N, C-alpha and C. Protein backbone atom coordinates (compact mmCIF):
# COMPACT_ATOMS: atom_id res chain seq x y z
N UNK A 1 -33.47 42.80 27.27
CA UNK A 1 -32.55 42.46 26.23
C UNK A 1 -31.88 41.14 26.61
N UNK A 2 -32.04 40.16 25.73
CA UNK A 2 -31.49 38.86 26.08
C UNK A 2 -30.14 38.67 25.40
N UNK A 3 -29.24 38.09 26.17
CA UNK A 3 -27.91 37.73 25.65
C UNK A 3 -27.82 36.23 25.60
N UNK A 4 -27.16 35.74 24.59
CA UNK A 4 -26.98 34.30 24.47
C UNK A 4 -25.55 33.98 24.83
N UNK A 5 -25.40 33.07 25.78
CA UNK A 5 -24.08 32.64 26.24
C UNK A 5 -23.79 31.25 25.66
N UNK A 6 -22.58 31.08 25.20
CA UNK A 6 -22.15 29.77 24.72
C UNK A 6 -21.24 29.18 25.77
N UNK A 7 -21.59 27.98 26.23
CA UNK A 7 -20.85 27.34 27.31
C UNK A 7 -20.46 25.93 26.87
N UNK A 8 -19.25 25.54 27.26
CA UNK A 8 -18.79 24.18 26.96
C UNK A 8 -18.86 23.37 28.25
N UNK A 9 -19.49 22.20 28.16
CA UNK A 9 -19.61 21.31 29.30
C UNK A 9 -18.24 20.71 29.59
N UNK A 10 -17.73 20.83 30.82
CA UNK A 10 -16.41 20.28 31.12
C UNK A 10 -16.40 18.75 31.15
N UNK A 11 -17.57 18.15 31.34
CA UNK A 11 -17.61 16.69 31.42
C UNK A 11 -17.65 16.03 30.04
N UNK A 12 -18.63 16.43 29.21
CA UNK A 12 -18.80 15.76 27.92
C UNK A 12 -18.25 16.57 26.75
N UNK A 13 -17.78 17.76 27.00
CA UNK A 13 -17.23 18.67 25.99
C UNK A 13 -18.28 19.10 24.97
N UNK A 14 -19.58 18.94 25.33
CA UNK A 14 -20.66 19.41 24.47
C UNK A 14 -20.81 20.92 24.62
N UNK A 15 -21.53 21.55 23.70
CA UNK A 15 -21.73 22.99 23.74
C UNK A 15 -23.20 23.30 23.98
N UNK A 16 -23.45 24.35 24.75
CA UNK A 16 -24.80 24.81 25.05
C UNK A 16 -24.87 26.30 24.76
N UNK A 17 -25.99 26.73 24.17
CA UNK A 17 -26.28 28.16 24.06
C UNK A 17 -27.44 28.44 25.01
N UNK A 18 -27.20 29.34 25.95
CA UNK A 18 -28.18 29.61 27.00
C UNK A 18 -28.60 31.07 26.93
N UNK A 19 -29.91 31.29 27.04
CA UNK A 19 -30.43 32.65 27.10
C UNK A 19 -30.18 33.17 28.51
N UNK A 20 -29.45 34.28 28.64
CA UNK A 20 -29.06 34.78 29.97
C UNK A 20 -30.23 35.39 30.73
N UNK A 21 -31.26 35.80 30.04
CA UNK A 21 -32.37 36.46 30.72
C UNK A 21 -33.27 35.46 31.44
N UNK A 22 -33.64 34.38 30.79
CA UNK A 22 -34.54 33.43 31.44
C UNK A 22 -33.88 32.09 31.76
N UNK A 23 -32.61 31.86 31.34
CA UNK A 23 -31.89 30.63 31.66
C UNK A 23 -32.27 29.42 30.82
N UNK A 24 -33.00 29.63 29.73
CA UNK A 24 -33.39 28.53 28.87
C UNK A 24 -32.24 28.13 27.95
N UNK A 25 -32.22 26.84 27.67
CA UNK A 25 -31.23 26.34 26.71
C UNK A 25 -31.81 26.58 25.32
N UNK A 26 -31.11 27.41 24.55
CA UNK A 26 -31.58 27.74 23.21
C UNK A 26 -31.16 26.65 22.22
N UNK A 27 -29.95 26.22 22.36
CA UNK A 27 -29.44 25.20 21.44
C UNK A 27 -28.36 24.40 22.13
N UNK A 28 -28.25 23.12 21.78
CA UNK A 28 -27.16 22.31 22.31
C UNK A 28 -26.68 21.36 21.21
N UNK A 29 -25.43 21.05 21.25
CA UNK A 29 -24.86 20.09 20.29
C UNK A 29 -23.74 19.34 20.95
N UNK A 30 -23.47 18.16 20.43
CA UNK A 30 -22.50 17.25 21.03
C UNK A 30 -21.08 17.71 20.84
N UNK A 31 -20.23 17.00 21.51
CA UNK A 31 -18.80 17.32 21.46
C UNK A 31 -18.22 16.92 20.11
N UNK A 32 -17.14 17.55 19.78
CA UNK A 32 -16.41 17.14 18.59
C UNK A 32 -15.72 15.82 18.90
N UNK A 33 -15.28 15.17 17.86
CA UNK A 33 -14.63 13.88 18.08
C UNK A 33 -13.40 14.05 18.95
N UNK A 34 -13.19 13.05 19.76
CA UNK A 34 -12.02 13.07 20.64
C UNK A 34 -10.77 12.86 19.79
N UNK A 35 -9.69 13.50 20.14
CA UNK A 35 -8.46 13.22 19.40
C UNK A 35 -8.02 11.79 19.69
N UNK A 36 -7.46 11.12 18.72
CA UNK A 36 -7.07 9.72 18.94
C UNK A 36 -5.99 9.61 20.01
N UNK A 37 -6.10 8.57 20.78
CA UNK A 37 -5.11 8.36 21.83
C UNK A 37 -3.84 7.78 21.22
N UNK A 38 -2.81 7.67 22.00
CA UNK A 38 -1.53 7.14 21.52
C UNK A 38 -1.69 5.69 21.08
N UNK A 39 -2.51 4.92 21.79
CA UNK A 39 -2.73 3.52 21.42
C UNK A 39 -3.42 3.42 20.07
N UNK A 40 -4.40 4.30 19.82
CA UNK A 40 -5.11 4.30 18.55
C UNK A 40 -4.15 4.66 17.41
N UNK A 41 -3.33 5.67 17.63
CA UNK A 41 -2.38 6.08 16.60
C UNK A 41 -1.39 4.97 16.31
N UNK A 42 -0.94 4.27 17.35
CA UNK A 42 0.00 3.17 17.16
C UNK A 42 -0.66 2.03 16.39
N UNK A 43 -1.89 1.71 16.75
CA UNK A 43 -2.61 0.64 16.07
C UNK A 43 -2.84 1.00 14.60
N UNK A 44 -3.18 2.26 14.32
CA UNK A 44 -3.37 2.69 12.94
C UNK A 44 -2.07 2.61 12.16
N UNK A 45 -0.99 3.04 12.76
CA UNK A 45 0.31 2.98 12.09
C UNK A 45 0.71 1.54 11.83
N UNK A 46 0.45 0.66 12.78
CA UNK A 46 0.77 -0.76 12.61
C UNK A 46 -0.03 -1.37 11.47
N UNK A 47 -1.31 -1.03 11.39
CA UNK A 47 -2.16 -1.53 10.30
C UNK A 47 -1.65 -1.03 8.95
N UNK A 48 -1.26 0.24 8.93
CA UNK A 48 -0.76 0.82 7.68
C UNK A 48 0.51 0.10 7.23
N UNK A 49 1.41 -0.17 8.15
CA UNK A 49 2.66 -0.87 7.82
C UNK A 49 2.36 -2.29 7.35
N UNK A 50 1.43 -2.96 7.99
CA UNK A 50 1.08 -4.32 7.59
C UNK A 50 0.45 -4.33 6.20
N UNK A 51 -0.40 -3.36 5.91
CA UNK A 51 -1.01 -3.27 4.59
C UNK A 51 0.05 -3.01 3.52
N UNK A 52 1.00 -2.13 3.82
CA UNK A 52 2.08 -1.85 2.88
C UNK A 52 2.92 -3.10 2.65
N UNK A 53 3.15 -3.85 3.70
CA UNK A 53 3.95 -5.09 3.59
C UNK A 53 3.24 -6.09 2.68
N UNK A 54 1.92 -6.25 2.86
CA UNK A 54 1.15 -7.16 2.02
C UNK A 54 1.18 -6.70 0.56
N UNK A 55 1.04 -5.41 0.36
CA UNK A 55 1.05 -4.87 -1.00
C UNK A 55 2.39 -5.10 -1.68
N UNK A 56 3.47 -4.84 -0.95
CA UNK A 56 4.80 -5.05 -1.51
C UNK A 56 5.07 -6.53 -1.78
N UNK A 57 4.60 -7.40 -0.90
CA UNK A 57 4.76 -8.84 -1.11
C UNK A 57 4.02 -9.28 -2.37
N UNK A 58 2.83 -8.74 -2.57
CA UNK A 58 2.07 -9.06 -3.79
C UNK A 58 2.79 -8.58 -5.04
N UNK A 59 3.34 -7.38 -5.00
CA UNK A 59 4.09 -6.86 -6.15
C UNK A 59 5.33 -7.70 -6.40
N UNK A 60 6.00 -8.12 -5.34
CA UNK A 60 7.19 -8.95 -5.48
C UNK A 60 6.83 -10.28 -6.15
N UNK A 61 5.75 -10.91 -5.70
CA UNK A 61 5.33 -12.19 -6.28
C UNK A 61 4.98 -12.02 -7.75
N UNK A 62 4.30 -10.93 -8.09
CA UNK A 62 3.93 -10.68 -9.48
C UNK A 62 5.17 -10.53 -10.35
N UNK A 63 6.13 -9.73 -9.89
CA UNK A 63 7.34 -9.54 -10.68
C UNK A 63 8.16 -10.82 -10.77
N UNK A 64 8.14 -11.62 -9.71
CA UNK A 64 8.85 -12.90 -9.72
C UNK A 64 8.25 -13.83 -10.76
N UNK A 65 6.93 -13.90 -10.81
CA UNK A 65 6.25 -14.74 -11.78
C UNK A 65 6.52 -14.27 -13.21
N UNK A 66 6.52 -12.95 -13.42
CA UNK A 66 6.81 -12.41 -14.74
C UNK A 66 8.22 -12.76 -15.17
N UNK A 67 9.16 -12.65 -14.26
CA UNK A 67 10.55 -12.96 -14.57
C UNK A 67 10.71 -14.44 -14.91
N UNK A 68 10.05 -15.30 -14.16
CA UNK A 68 10.12 -16.74 -14.43
C UNK A 68 9.51 -17.08 -15.79
N UNK A 69 8.41 -16.43 -16.14
CA UNK A 69 7.79 -16.71 -17.44
C UNK A 69 8.68 -16.22 -18.58
N UNK A 70 9.34 -15.07 -18.40
CA UNK A 70 10.26 -14.58 -19.42
C UNK A 70 11.45 -15.52 -19.57
N UNK A 71 11.95 -16.02 -18.46
CA UNK A 71 13.08 -16.96 -18.49
C UNK A 71 12.68 -18.24 -19.22
N UNK A 72 11.49 -18.75 -18.93
CA UNK A 72 11.01 -19.97 -19.57
C UNK A 72 10.84 -19.75 -21.07
N UNK A 73 10.30 -18.61 -21.43
CA UNK A 73 10.10 -18.28 -22.83
C UNK A 73 11.44 -18.18 -23.57
N UNK A 74 12.42 -17.55 -22.96
CA UNK A 74 13.75 -17.43 -23.57
C UNK A 74 14.39 -18.82 -23.73
N UNK A 75 14.22 -19.67 -22.73
CA UNK A 75 14.78 -21.03 -22.80
C UNK A 75 14.14 -21.82 -23.93
N UNK A 76 12.83 -21.67 -24.11
CA UNK A 76 12.13 -22.36 -25.19
C UNK A 76 12.61 -21.89 -26.55
N UNK A 77 12.82 -20.59 -26.70
CA UNK A 77 13.32 -20.05 -27.97
C UNK A 77 14.73 -20.57 -28.24
N UNK A 78 15.55 -20.63 -27.21
CA UNK A 78 16.91 -21.14 -27.36
C UNK A 78 16.91 -22.60 -27.79
N UNK A 79 16.10 -23.42 -27.13
CA UNK A 79 16.02 -24.84 -27.46
C UNK A 79 15.46 -25.04 -28.87
N UNK A 80 14.52 -24.22 -29.26
CA UNK A 80 13.96 -24.30 -30.61
C UNK A 80 15.06 -24.00 -31.64
N UNK A 81 15.90 -23.02 -31.36
CA UNK A 81 17.00 -22.67 -32.26
C UNK A 81 18.01 -23.81 -32.36
N UNK A 82 18.31 -24.46 -31.25
CA UNK A 82 19.25 -25.60 -31.26
C UNK A 82 18.67 -26.75 -32.08
N UNK A 83 17.38 -27.05 -31.90
CA UNK A 83 16.75 -28.13 -32.67
C UNK A 83 16.76 -27.82 -34.17
N UNK A 84 16.54 -26.56 -34.50
CA UNK A 84 16.53 -26.17 -35.91
C UNK A 84 17.91 -26.36 -36.54
N UNK A 85 18.94 -25.99 -35.81
CA UNK A 85 20.31 -26.16 -36.31
C UNK A 85 20.63 -27.64 -36.46
N UNK A 86 20.22 -28.46 -35.52
CA UNK A 86 20.48 -29.90 -35.59
C UNK A 86 19.74 -30.54 -36.75
N UNK A 87 18.53 -30.08 -37.04
CA UNK A 87 17.76 -30.63 -38.15
C UNK A 87 18.39 -30.28 -39.49
N UNK A 88 19.04 -29.14 -39.55
CA UNK A 88 19.69 -28.73 -40.79
C UNK A 88 21.04 -29.43 -40.97
N UNK A 89 21.44 -30.22 -40.00
CA UNK A 89 22.67 -31.00 -40.11
C UNK A 89 23.88 -30.29 -39.56
N UNK A 90 23.71 -29.18 -38.89
CA UNK A 90 24.85 -28.45 -38.32
C UNK A 90 25.21 -28.96 -36.95
N UNK A 91 26.43 -28.64 -36.55
CA UNK A 91 26.87 -29.02 -35.22
C UNK A 91 26.55 -27.89 -34.24
N UNK A 92 26.22 -28.28 -33.04
CA UNK A 92 25.97 -27.31 -31.99
C UNK A 92 27.18 -27.32 -31.07
N UNK A 93 28.04 -26.34 -31.28
CA UNK A 93 29.24 -26.23 -30.44
C UNK A 93 29.59 -24.77 -30.27
N UNK A 94 30.52 -24.53 -29.39
CA UNK A 94 30.93 -23.16 -29.13
C UNK A 94 31.71 -22.62 -30.33
N UNK A 95 31.54 -21.35 -30.63
CA UNK A 95 32.35 -20.77 -31.70
C UNK A 95 33.80 -20.62 -31.25
N UNK A 96 34.72 -20.67 -32.20
CA UNK A 96 36.13 -20.53 -31.85
C UNK A 96 36.43 -19.07 -31.57
N UNK A 97 37.25 -18.89 -30.53
CA UNK A 97 37.71 -17.55 -30.20
C UNK A 97 39.13 -17.40 -30.70
N UNK A 98 39.55 -16.17 -30.85
CA UNK A 98 40.91 -15.92 -31.35
C UNK A 98 41.95 -16.51 -30.42
N UNK A 99 41.68 -16.48 -29.14
CA UNK A 99 42.65 -17.01 -28.19
C UNK A 99 42.79 -18.52 -28.30
N UNK A 100 41.74 -19.20 -28.77
CA UNK A 100 41.80 -20.64 -28.93
C UNK A 100 42.64 -21.07 -30.16
N UNK A 101 42.85 -20.16 -31.06
CA UNK A 101 43.60 -20.48 -32.28
C UNK A 101 45.11 -20.56 -32.05
N UNK A 102 45.61 -20.09 -30.98
CA UNK A 102 47.07 -20.11 -30.72
C UNK A 102 47.62 -21.46 -30.52
């Protein structure tokens, strides 16, 4: 009656299945991936932070450009309104406030 023993290699962390009756290796497979070291985890975290920084910088630039284009558009509309009033012969001045009437 043969028994199959599963053994883990202490050196490479690979696994072996050995037939106990005749000592033959029935099956072998490699080790599982090594857990990441502290240096690897730090490097991964640093990359993640740098990627987030680049992404946020890109979003900031996009919103800045949108805000500038909206400001330019509003300025153009304002200037167009002033020109229209001037063409109609009106004066462009501040409206009188109640406090100015005293």
